[in-house]
Amino acid sequence: MDRIPRASRLIGEIVSAAIVGRDIKDPRVSSLCSVVDVDVSRDLRYATIRISGYLERSELEKSVKGLNAAAGFLQSRIAAKVHWKATPRLRFVVDTTIRDGQRVIETIERERGD
């Protein structure tokens, strides 16, 4: 297996488990947010983690701020589970593609009269 997709999958699993398990003590982080995608740089130094969820945009942004504040904790969690030379520096961003897609579907259905 290629190392970039493997690293993305592992990072996503570890961060997801920390969110769902409420291991992140920052009250801004909602357990209703989830990891949608992880983009890891070719040199494995950086990882951008896209976060989505069925939350209001402001709540999702608040959760992402909390996750960015907890990035060091999550990096140490990753380092403990995967024994790489270096752990990627984590950056969390809001991803609204699921919500945007749902709005498009609702608009189409409304226009068709479903």
Protein backbone atom coordinates (compact mmCIF):
# COMPACT_ATOMS: atom_id res chain seq x y z
CA MET A 1 0.00 0.00 0.00
CA ASP A 2 1.25 3.48 -0.87
CA ARG A 3 2.42 5.37 2.20
CA ILE A 4 0.44 8.59 1.61
CA PRO A 5 -3.02 6.93 1.48
CA ARG A 6 -2.05 4.70 4.40
CA ALA A 7 -0.91 7.71 6.45
CA SER A 8 -4.15 9.57 5.58
CA ARG A 9 -6.28 6.63 6.66
CA LEU A 10 -4.40 6.14 9.95
CA ILE A 11 -4.48 9.83 10.85
CA GLY A 12 -8.21 9.99 10.06
CA GLU A 13 -8.93 6.94 12.21
CA ILE A 14 -6.95 8.23 15.19
CA VAL A 15 -8.44 11.74 15.06
CA SER A 16 -11.97 10.34 14.58
CA ALA A 17 -11.56 8.06 17.58
CA ALA A 18 -10.39 11.01 19.69
CA ILE A 19 -13.41 13.10 18.65
CA VAL A 20 -15.99 10.37 19.18
CA GLY A 21 -14.35 9.19 22.40
CA ARG A 22 -14.36 12.76 23.73
CA ASP A 23 -10.63 12.52 24.42
CA ILE A 24 -10.25 16.17 23.45
CA LYS A 25 -11.15 18.19 26.51
CA ASP A 26 -11.70 21.48 24.67
CA PRO A 27 -15.42 22.27 25.15
CA ARG A 28 -15.59 23.81 21.66
CA VAL A 29 -15.12 20.40 20.01
CA SER A 30 -18.46 18.75 19.34
CA SER A 31 -18.65 14.96 19.19
CA LEU A 32 -21.07 15.49 16.28
CA CYS A 33 -18.29 16.61 13.96
CA SER A 34 -16.42 14.07 11.89
CA VAL A 35 -13.34 13.65 9.73
CA VAL A 36 -14.29 13.78 6.05
CA ASP A 37 -10.86 13.63 4.44
CA VAL A 38 -7.17 13.86 5.29
CA ASP A 39 -4.66 15.31 2.83
CA VAL A 40 -1.07 14.44 3.75
CA SER A 41 1.87 16.15 2.06
CA ARG A 42 4.24 13.98 0.03
CA ASP A 43 6.99 14.39 2.65
CA LEU A 44 4.54 13.47 5.47
CA ARG A 45 5.29 16.73 7.28
CA TYR A 46 1.83 18.26 7.03
CA ALA A 47 -1.74 16.98 7.15
CA THR A 48 -4.87 18.97 6.41
CA ILE A 49 -7.92 17.39 7.99
CA ARG A 50 -11.35 18.32 6.66
CA ILE A 51 -14.09 18.36 9.30
CA SER A 52 -17.82 18.23 8.68
CA GLY A 53 -20.95 17.43 10.63
CA TYR A 54 -24.62 18.11 11.07
CA LEU A 55 -23.97 21.32 12.95
CA GLU A 56 -24.65 24.95 12.26
CA ARG A 57 -21.76 26.60 10.42
CA SER A 58 -20.79 28.60 13.52
CA GLU A 59 -20.70 25.44 15.68
CA LEU A 60 -18.61 23.64 13.07
CA GLU A 61 -16.17 26.56 12.91
CA LYS A 62 -15.96 26.56 16.71
CA SER A 63 -15.18 22.82 16.69
CA VAL A 64 -12.46 23.35 14.09
CA LYS A 65 -10.89 26.08 16.24
CA GLY A 66 -10.92 23.70 19.20
CA LEU A 67 -9.34 20.95 17.10
CA ASN A 68 -6.62 23.30 15.90
CA ALA A 69 -5.96 24.22 19.54
CA ALA A 70 -5.71 20.49 20.35
CA ALA A 71 -3.45 19.73 17.37
CA GLY A 72 -0.39 19.14 19.58
CA PHE A 73 -2.28 16.65 21.72
CA LEU A 74 -3.54 14.85 18.61
CA GLN A 75 -0.05 14.79 17.07
CA SER A 76 1.29 13.13 20.21
CA ARG A 77 -1.59 10.62 20.08
CA ILE A 78 -0.68 9.82 16.47
CA ALA A 79 3.04 9.55 17.31
CA ALA A 80 2.26 7.04 20.07
CA LYS A 81 0.31 4.80 17.70
CA VAL A 82 2.38 4.97 14.51
CA HIS A 83 6.12 4.89 14.91
CA TRP A 84 7.20 7.26 12.14
CA LYS A 85 10.33 9.42 12.13
CA ALA A 86 8.17 12.51 12.37
CA THR A 87 4.50 13.12 12.93
CA PRO A 88 2.73 15.41 10.45
CA ARG A 89 1.81 18.88 11.62
CA LEU A 90 -1.99 18.95 11.75
CA ARG A 91 -4.29 21.63 10.41
CA PHE A 92 -8.07 21.37 10.62
CA VAL A 93 -10.44 23.07 8.17
CA VAL A 94 -14.22 23.25 7.80
CA ASP A 95 -15.67 21.11 5.00
CA THR A 96 -19.22 21.89 3.92
CA THR A 97 -19.43 19.66 0.84
CA ILE A 98 -21.91 17.24 2.46
CA ARG A 99 -24.20 20.06 3.54
CA ASP A 100 -23.84 21.83 0.18
CA GLY A 101 -24.70 18.60 -1.64
CA GLN A 102 -27.76 18.11 0.55
CA ARG A 103 -28.95 21.63 -0.29
CA VAL A 104 -28.55 20.94 -4.03
CA ILE A 105 -30.58 17.73 -3.71
CA GLU A 106 -33.29 19.53 -1.75
CA THR A 107 -33.43 22.29 -4.37
CA ILE A 108 -33.74 19.77 -7.21
CA GLU A 109 -36.47 17.85 -5.39
CA ARG A 110 -38.36 21.06 -4.66
CA GLU A 111 -38.16 22.13 -8.32
CA ARG A 112 -39.37 18.70 -9.51
CA GLY A 113 -42.19 18.78 -6.99
CA ASP A 114 -41.11 15.63 -5.06
